C-alpha atoms as a PDB file:
ATOM      1  CA  MET A   1      -8.043   6.503 -22.748  1.00  0.00           C
ATOM      2  CA  SER A   2      -6.751   7.138 -19.278  1.00  0.00           C
ATOM      3  CA  ALA A   3      -4.668   4.846 -17.120  1.00  0.00           C
ATOM      4  CA  ILE A   4      -5.101   3.881 -13.484  1.00  0.00           C
ATOM      5  CA  VAL A   5      -1.850   3.060 -11.770  1.00  0.00           C
ATOM      6  CA  GLN A   6      -1.940  -0.073  -9.648  1.00  0.00           C
ATOM      7  CA  VAL A   7       0.721  -1.925  -7.699  1.00  0.00           C
ATOM      8  CA  ASP A   8       1.526  -5.624  -8.024  1.00  0.00           C
ATOM      9  CA  TRP A   9       1.800  -6.589  -4.344  1.00  0.00           C
ATOM     10  CA  SER A  10       2.199 -10.316  -5.046  1.00  0.00           C
ATOM     11  CA  GLN A  11       5.941 -10.424  -4.342  1.00  0.00           C
ATOM     12  CA  CYS A  12       6.067  -8.062  -1.375  1.00  0.00           C
ATOM     13  CA  PRO A  13       6.905  -9.960   1.837  1.00  0.00           C
ATOM     14  CA  LEU A  14       5.336  -7.194   3.941  1.00  0.00           C
ATOM     15  CA  VAL A  15       1.913  -7.666   2.350  1.00  0.00           C
ATOM     16  CA  GLU A  16      -0.657 -10.400   2.690  1.00  0.00           C
ATOM     17  CA  VAL A  17      -3.918 -11.042   0.877  1.00  0.00           C
ATOM     18  CA  ASP A  18      -6.590 -13.033   2.657  1.00  0.00           C
ATOM     19  CA  PRO A  19     -10.204 -13.061   1.496  1.00  0.00           C
ATOM     20  CA  GLU A  20     -11.249 -12.970   5.158  1.00  0.00           C
ATOM     21  CA  ILE A  21      -9.295  -9.776   5.893  1.00  0.00           C
ATOM     22  CA  GLN A  22     -10.523  -6.504   4.366  1.00  0.00           C
ATOM     23  CA  SER A  23     -12.387  -8.471   1.670  1.00  0.00           C
ATOM     24  CA  GLY A  24      -9.117  -9.681   0.184  1.00  0.00           C
ATOM     25  CA  ALA A  25      -7.501  -6.265  -0.238  1.00  0.00           C
ATOM     26  CA  PRO A  26      -3.700  -6.291   0.169  1.00  0.00           C
ATOM     27  CA  VAL A  27      -2.894  -5.430   3.793  1.00  0.00           C
ATOM     28  CA  LEU A  28       0.247  -4.894   5.816  1.00  0.00           C
ATOM     29  CA  ALA A  29       1.072  -8.380   7.102  1.00  0.00           C
ATOM     30  CA  GLY A  30      -0.221  -9.043  10.590  1.00  0.00           C
ATOM     31  CA  THR A  31      -2.630  -6.092  10.455  1.00  0.00           C
ATOM     32  CA  ARG A  32      -5.922  -5.122   8.875  1.00  0.00           C
ATOM     33  CA  LEU A  33      -4.351  -1.976   7.371  1.00  0.00           C
ATOM     34  CA  PRO A  34      -4.809  -1.829   3.592  1.00  0.00           C
ATOM     35  CA  VAL A  35      -1.522  -0.864   1.971  1.00  0.00           C
ATOM     36  CA  SER A  36      -3.514   1.454  -0.275  1.00  0.00           C
ATOM     37  CA  ALA A  37      -4.142   3.625   2.806  1.00  0.00           C
ATOM     38  CA  ILE A  38      -0.396   4.090   3.244  1.00  0.00           C
ATOM     39  CA  VAL A  39       0.197   4.838  -0.439  1.00  0.00           C
ATOM     40  CA  ASP A  40      -2.835   7.116  -0.757  1.00  0.00           C
ATOM     41  CA  ASN A  41      -1.862   9.155   2.296  1.00  0.00           C
ATOM     42  CA  ALA A  42       1.701   9.549   1.033  1.00  0.00           C
ATOM     43  CA  GLU A  43       0.402  10.692  -2.355  1.00  0.00           C
ATOM     44  CA  TYR A  44      -1.875  13.141  -0.533  1.00  0.00           C
ATOM     45  CA  GLY A  45       1.230  14.646   1.049  1.00  0.00           C
ATOM     46  CA  LEU A  46       1.495  13.145   4.523  1.00  0.00           C
ATOM     47  CA  SER A  47       4.997  12.404   5.743  1.00  0.00           C
ATOM     48  CA  VAL A  48       6.245   8.950   6.679  1.00  0.00           C
ATOM     49  CA  ALA A  49       6.161  10.013  10.340  1.00  0.00           C
ATOM     50  CA  GLU A  50       2.552  11.220  10.059  1.00  0.00           C
ATOM     51  CA  ILE A  51       1.434   8.004   8.356  1.00  0.00           C
ATOM     52  CA  SER A  52       3.291   5.927  10.934  1.00  0.00           C
ATOM     53  CA  GLU A  53       1.623   7.771  13.793  1.00  0.00           C
ATOM     54  CA  GLN A  54      -1.834   7.786  12.200  1.00  0.00           C
ATOM     55  CA  PHE A  55      -1.905   4.027  11.561  1.00  0.00           C
ATOM     56  CA  GLU A  56       0.301   2.940  14.483  1.00  0.00           C
ATOM     57  CA  VAL A  57       2.877   1.125  12.346  1.00  0.00           C
ATOM     58  CA  SER A  58       6.613   1.690  12.224  1.00  0.00           C
ATOM     59  CA  GLU A  59       8.210   4.273   9.973  1.00  0.00           C
ATOM     60  CA  THR A  60      10.354   1.442   8.584  1.00  0.00           C
ATOM     61  CA  GLN A  61       7.227  -0.417   7.477  1.00  0.00           C
ATOM     62  CA  VAL A  62       5.772   2.713   5.857  1.00  0.00           C
ATOM     63  CA  GLU A  63       9.038   3.439   4.036  1.00  0.00           C
ATOM     64  CA  ALA A  64       9.283  -0.164   2.804  1.00  0.00           C
ATOM     65  CA  ILE A  65       5.685  -0.174   1.512  1.00  0.00           C
ATOM     66  CA  LEU A  66       6.215   3.139  -0.293  1.00  0.00           C
ATOM     67  CA  ALA A  67       9.503   1.971  -1.823  1.00  0.00           C
ATOM     68  CA  TYR A  68       7.917  -1.264  -3.012  1.00  0.00           C
ATOM     69  CA  ALA A  69       4.908   0.585  -4.454  1.00  0.00           C
ATOM     70  CA  LYS A  70       7.167   2.962  -6.350  1.00  0.00           C
ATOM     71  CA  GLY A  71       9.093   0.103  -7.936  1.00  0.00           C
ATOM     72  CA  HIS A  72       6.176  -2.207  -8.778  1.00  0.00           C
ATOM     73  CA  ARG A  73       3.562  -0.052 -10.456  1.00  0.00           C
ATOM     74  CA  VAL A  74       1.459  -1.534 -13.235  1.00  0.00           C
ATOM     75  CA  ALA A  75      -0.674   0.672 -15.494  1.00  0.00           C
ATOM     76  CA  ASP A  76      -4.123  -0.650 -16.397  1.00  0.00           C
ATOM     77  CA  THR A  77      -5.951   0.891 -19.298  1.00  0.00           C
ATOM     78  CA  VAL A  78      -9.441   2.121 -18.496  1.00  0.00           C
ATOM     79  CA  ARG A  79     -12.018   2.373 -21.265  1.00  0.00           C
END
């Protein structure tokens, strides 16, 4: 069995979930930017500055999302 790593965004004040925004995917509050885009790009190797520039959000926001994601990972078992 392999595991997919997911993040529990429910307690992050920078993230909102609204079924009318991005089909209910967790997004950076006040935007339509899925937080998964920030995390995925960081895991791909982009720097905080590159992510900030690409998505037009502050470096502080990117750093906070990445720090939260690192500390709130939940492994789900895939069958």
